[in-house]
Amino acid sequence: MTGDEASKQSYHEQYFPKTLSVLQKHVDYLMNELDELSENSWRKDVKRHPRLPLLMRHNEFVRNTLELVQQNLDNISLA
């Protein structure tokens, strides 16, 4: 495949739409999971789960990162 740009382009044209769709669904799934975890975490006792605030901040960081990924994927799909 080295140097065969036509074949590479053909593969990209063939598989990119499906790859983009699957990746978008995966990001959506992860964001929904993080939302559910966040909702459930407020019901927990921080005294019993002392690392909960750290986990919640981490999940929020990951969610914010996934939002940026989702925006990039949306821009790609509109192009």
N, C-alpha and C. Protein backbone atom coordinates (compact mmCIF):
# COMPACT_ATOMS: atom_id res chain seq x y z
N MET A 1 0.82 -1.19 0.00
CA MET A 1 0.00 0.00 0.00
C MET A 1 0.87 1.25 0.00
N THR A 2 2.13 1.11 0.29
CA THR A 2 3.03 2.26 0.32
C THR A 2 3.08 2.92 -1.05
N GLY A 3 2.78 4.22 -1.08
CA GLY A 3 2.84 4.96 -2.32
C GLY A 3 1.62 4.84 -3.20
N ASP A 4 0.69 3.98 -2.85
CA ASP A 4 -0.52 3.79 -3.65
C ASP A 4 -1.62 4.71 -3.11
N GLU A 5 -1.51 5.98 -3.44
CA GLU A 5 -2.44 6.98 -2.93
C GLU A 5 -3.87 6.76 -3.41
N ALA A 6 -4.03 6.26 -4.60
CA ALA A 6 -5.38 6.03 -5.12
C ALA A 6 -6.12 4.98 -4.29
N SER A 7 -5.41 3.91 -3.94
CA SER A 7 -6.03 2.87 -3.11
C SER A 7 -6.35 3.40 -1.72
N LYS A 8 -5.42 4.18 -1.15
CA LYS A 8 -5.67 4.77 0.17
C LYS A 8 -6.90 5.66 0.14
N GLN A 9 -6.99 6.50 -0.87
CA GLN A 9 -8.14 7.40 -0.99
C GLN A 9 -9.43 6.61 -1.15
N SER A 10 -9.36 5.53 -1.91
CA SER A 10 -10.53 4.68 -2.11
C SER A 10 -11.01 4.08 -0.79
N TYR A 11 -10.07 3.62 0.04
CA TYR A 11 -10.44 3.07 1.35
C TYR A 11 -11.07 4.15 2.24
N HIS A 12 -10.47 5.32 2.22
CA HIS A 12 -11.02 6.42 3.03
C HIS A 12 -12.44 6.76 2.59
N GLU A 13 -12.65 6.85 1.30
CA GLU A 13 -13.99 7.17 0.79
C GLU A 13 -15.00 6.08 1.14
N GLN A 14 -14.55 4.84 1.12
CA GLN A 14 -15.44 3.72 1.39
C GLN A 14 -15.79 3.59 2.87
N TYR A 15 -14.81 3.75 3.75
CA TYR A 15 -15.02 3.44 5.17
C TYR A 15 -15.22 4.65 6.08
N PHE A 16 -14.84 5.83 5.64
CA PHE A 16 -14.91 6.99 6.52
C PHE A 16 -16.32 7.29 7.02
N PRO A 17 -17.35 7.29 6.17
CA PRO A 17 -18.70 7.60 6.69
C PRO A 17 -19.15 6.64 7.80
N LYS A 18 -18.88 5.36 7.64
CA LYS A 18 -19.27 4.38 8.66
C LYS A 18 -18.44 4.59 9.93
N THR A 19 -17.16 4.83 9.78
CA THR A 19 -16.29 5.07 10.93
C THR A 19 -16.75 6.30 11.70
N LEU A 20 -17.07 7.37 10.99
CA LEU A 20 -17.54 8.59 11.62
C LEU A 20 -18.84 8.34 12.39
N SER A 21 -19.75 7.62 11.79
CA SER A 21 -21.03 7.31 12.44
C SER A 21 -20.83 6.51 13.72
N VAL A 22 -20.00 5.49 13.66
CA VAL A 22 -19.76 4.65 14.82
C VAL A 22 -19.07 5.45 15.92
N LEU A 23 -18.14 6.30 15.55
CA LEU A 23 -17.44 7.12 16.53
C LEU A 23 -18.39 8.12 17.19
N GLN A 24 -19.28 8.72 16.41
CA GLN A 24 -20.27 9.64 16.98
C GLN A 24 -21.18 8.92 17.98
N LYS A 25 -21.62 7.74 17.63
CA LYS A 25 -22.47 6.96 18.55
C LYS A 25 -21.71 6.61 19.83
N HIS A 26 -20.45 6.28 19.70
CA HIS A 26 -19.63 5.94 20.86
C HIS A 26 -19.48 7.15 21.79
N VAL A 27 -19.21 8.30 21.23
CA VAL A 27 -19.08 9.52 22.04
C VAL A 27 -20.41 9.85 22.71
N ASP A 28 -21.50 9.73 21.99
CA ASP A 28 -22.83 9.96 22.58
C ASP A 28 -23.08 9.01 23.75
N TYR A 29 -22.75 7.76 23.56
CA TYR A 29 -22.93 6.75 24.61
C TYR A 29 -22.12 7.12 25.85
N LEU A 30 -20.85 7.47 25.66
CA LEU A 30 -20.00 7.82 26.80
C LEU A 30 -20.53 9.06 27.52
N MET A 31 -21.00 10.04 26.78
CA MET A 31 -21.54 11.24 27.42
C MET A 31 -22.79 10.92 28.24
N ASN A 32 -23.63 10.05 27.71
CA ASN A 32 -24.82 9.64 28.46
C ASN A 32 -24.44 8.89 29.73
N GLU A 33 -23.45 8.02 29.62
CA GLU A 33 -22.98 7.29 30.80
C GLU A 33 -22.45 8.25 31.87
N LEU A 34 -21.68 9.24 31.45
CA LEU A 34 -21.15 10.21 32.40
C LEU A 34 -22.26 11.03 33.04
N ASP A 35 -23.28 11.36 32.26
CA ASP A 35 -24.43 12.09 32.82
C ASP A 35 -25.13 11.25 33.89
N GLU A 36 -25.33 9.98 33.60
CA GLU A 36 -25.98 9.10 34.58
C GLU A 36 -25.13 8.96 35.84
N LEU A 37 -23.84 8.80 35.67
CA LEU A 37 -22.96 8.71 36.83
C LEU A 37 -23.01 9.98 37.67
N SER A 38 -23.05 11.09 37.02
CA SER A 38 -23.11 12.37 37.72
C SER A 38 -24.42 12.49 38.51
N GLU A 39 -25.51 12.11 37.88
CA GLU A 39 -26.81 12.17 38.56
C GLU A 39 -26.83 11.26 39.79
N ASN A 40 -26.29 10.08 39.64
CA ASN A 40 -26.31 9.12 40.75
C ASN A 40 -25.32 9.48 41.84
N SER A 41 -24.26 10.16 41.49
CA SER A 41 -23.23 10.46 42.49
C SER A 41 -23.70 11.45 43.53
N TRP A 42 -24.64 12.32 43.18
CA TRP A 42 -25.13 13.30 44.16
C TRP A 42 -25.91 12.64 45.28
N ARG A 43 -26.33 11.43 45.06
CA ARG A 43 -27.10 10.70 46.09
C ARG A 43 -26.19 9.97 47.08
N LYS A 44 -24.91 9.96 46.81
CA LYS A 44 -23.97 9.22 47.65
C LYS A 44 -23.47 10.10 48.80
N ASP A 45 -23.08 9.44 49.85
CA ASP A 45 -22.53 10.11 51.02
C ASP A 45 -21.03 10.26 50.85
N VAL A 46 -20.56 11.51 50.86
CA VAL A 46 -19.14 11.79 50.66
C VAL A 46 -18.31 11.21 51.81
N LYS A 47 -18.88 11.11 52.98
CA LYS A 47 -18.15 10.53 54.11
C LYS A 47 -17.89 9.04 53.88
N ARG A 48 -18.83 8.39 53.25
CA ARG A 48 -18.65 6.96 52.94
C ARG A 48 -17.79 6.76 51.70
N HIS A 49 -17.82 7.74 50.81
CA HIS A 49 -17.10 7.66 49.54
C HIS A 49 -16.23 8.91 49.41
N PRO A 50 -15.11 8.95 50.14
CA PRO A 50 -14.31 10.17 50.19
C PRO A 50 -13.69 10.60 48.86
N ARG A 51 -13.56 9.70 47.93
CA ARG A 51 -12.97 10.07 46.64
C ARG A 51 -14.01 10.54 45.63
N LEU A 52 -15.24 10.56 46.04
CA LEU A 52 -16.32 10.93 45.13
C LEU A 52 -16.12 12.32 44.50
N PRO A 53 -15.77 13.34 45.26
CA PRO A 53 -15.56 14.65 44.62
C PRO A 53 -14.47 14.61 43.54
N LEU A 54 -13.41 13.88 43.80
CA LEU A 54 -12.35 13.76 42.80
C LEU A 54 -12.87 13.05 41.55
N LEU A 55 -13.63 11.99 41.74
CA LEU A 55 -14.19 11.25 40.61
C LEU A 55 -15.16 12.11 39.81
N MET A 56 -15.93 12.90 40.51
CA MET A 56 -16.89 13.77 39.83
C MET A 56 -16.17 14.83 39.01
N ARG A 57 -15.10 15.41 39.56
CA ARG A 57 -14.32 16.40 38.80
C ARG A 57 -13.68 15.75 37.57
N HIS A 58 -13.18 14.54 37.75
CA HIS A 58 -12.59 13.82 36.62
C HIS A 58 -13.64 13.56 35.54
N ASN A 59 -14.81 13.09 35.95
CA ASN A 59 -15.87 12.82 34.99
C ASN A 59 -16.30 14.08 34.25
N GLU A 60 -16.32 15.20 34.96
CA GLU A 60 -16.68 16.47 34.33
C GLU A 60 -15.61 16.87 33.30
N PHE A 61 -14.35 16.67 33.65
CA PHE A 61 -13.26 16.94 32.71
C PHE A 61 -13.41 16.07 31.46
N VAL A 62 -13.67 14.79 31.65
CA VAL A 62 -13.82 13.88 30.51
C VAL A 62 -15.03 14.28 29.67
N ARG A 63 -16.11 14.65 30.33
CA ARG A 63 -17.31 15.06 29.60
C ARG A 63 -17.03 16.31 28.77
N ASN A 64 -16.34 17.28 29.35
CA ASN A 64 -15.99 18.50 28.61
C ASN A 64 -15.11 18.18 27.40
N THR A 65 -14.20 17.26 27.58
CA THR A 65 -13.34 16.84 26.47
C THR A 65 -14.17 16.16 25.38
N LEU A 66 -15.09 15.31 25.79
CA LEU A 66 -15.95 14.63 24.81
C LEU A 66 -16.87 15.60 24.08
N GLU A 67 -17.28 16.67 24.75
CA GLU A 67 -18.07 17.69 24.07
C GLU A 67 -17.28 18.33 22.93
N LEU A 68 -16.00 18.58 23.17
CA LEU A 68 -15.15 19.14 22.12
C LEU A 68 -14.98 18.13 20.97
N VAL A 69 -14.81 16.87 21.33
CA VAL A 69 -14.70 15.82 20.31
C VAL A 69 -15.99 15.76 19.50
N GLN A 70 -17.11 15.83 20.18
CA GLN A 70 -18.40 15.78 19.51
C GLN A 70 -18.57 16.96 18.55
N GLN A 71 -18.15 18.14 18.97
CA GLN A 71 -18.22 19.32 18.09
C GLN A 71 -17.36 19.09 16.84
N ASN A 72 -16.16 18.56 17.03
CA ASN A 72 -15.29 18.29 15.89
C ASN A 72 -15.91 17.26 14.94
N LEU A 73 -16.50 16.23 15.51
CA LEU A 73 -17.14 15.21 14.67
C LEU A 73 -18.33 15.79 13.93
N ASP A 74 -19.10 16.63 14.60
CA ASP A 74 -20.24 17.28 13.94
C ASP A 74 -19.77 18.16 12.78
N ASN A 75 -18.67 18.88 12.99
CA ASN A 75 -18.13 19.73 11.92
C ASN A 75 -17.65 18.89 10.75
N ILE A 76 -17.08 17.73 11.03
CA ILE A 76 -16.62 16.84 9.97
C ILE A 76 -17.81 16.32 9.17
N SER A 77 -18.87 15.96 9.88
CA SER A 77 -20.03 15.38 9.19
C SER A 77 -20.76 16.43 8.34
N LEU A 78 -20.62 17.70 8.69
CA LEU A 78 -21.25 18.77 7.91
C LEU A 78 -20.43 19.15 6.69
N ALA A 79 -19.16 18.81 6.70
CA ALA A 79 -18.27 19.20 5.60
C ALA A 79 -18.52 18.39 4.36
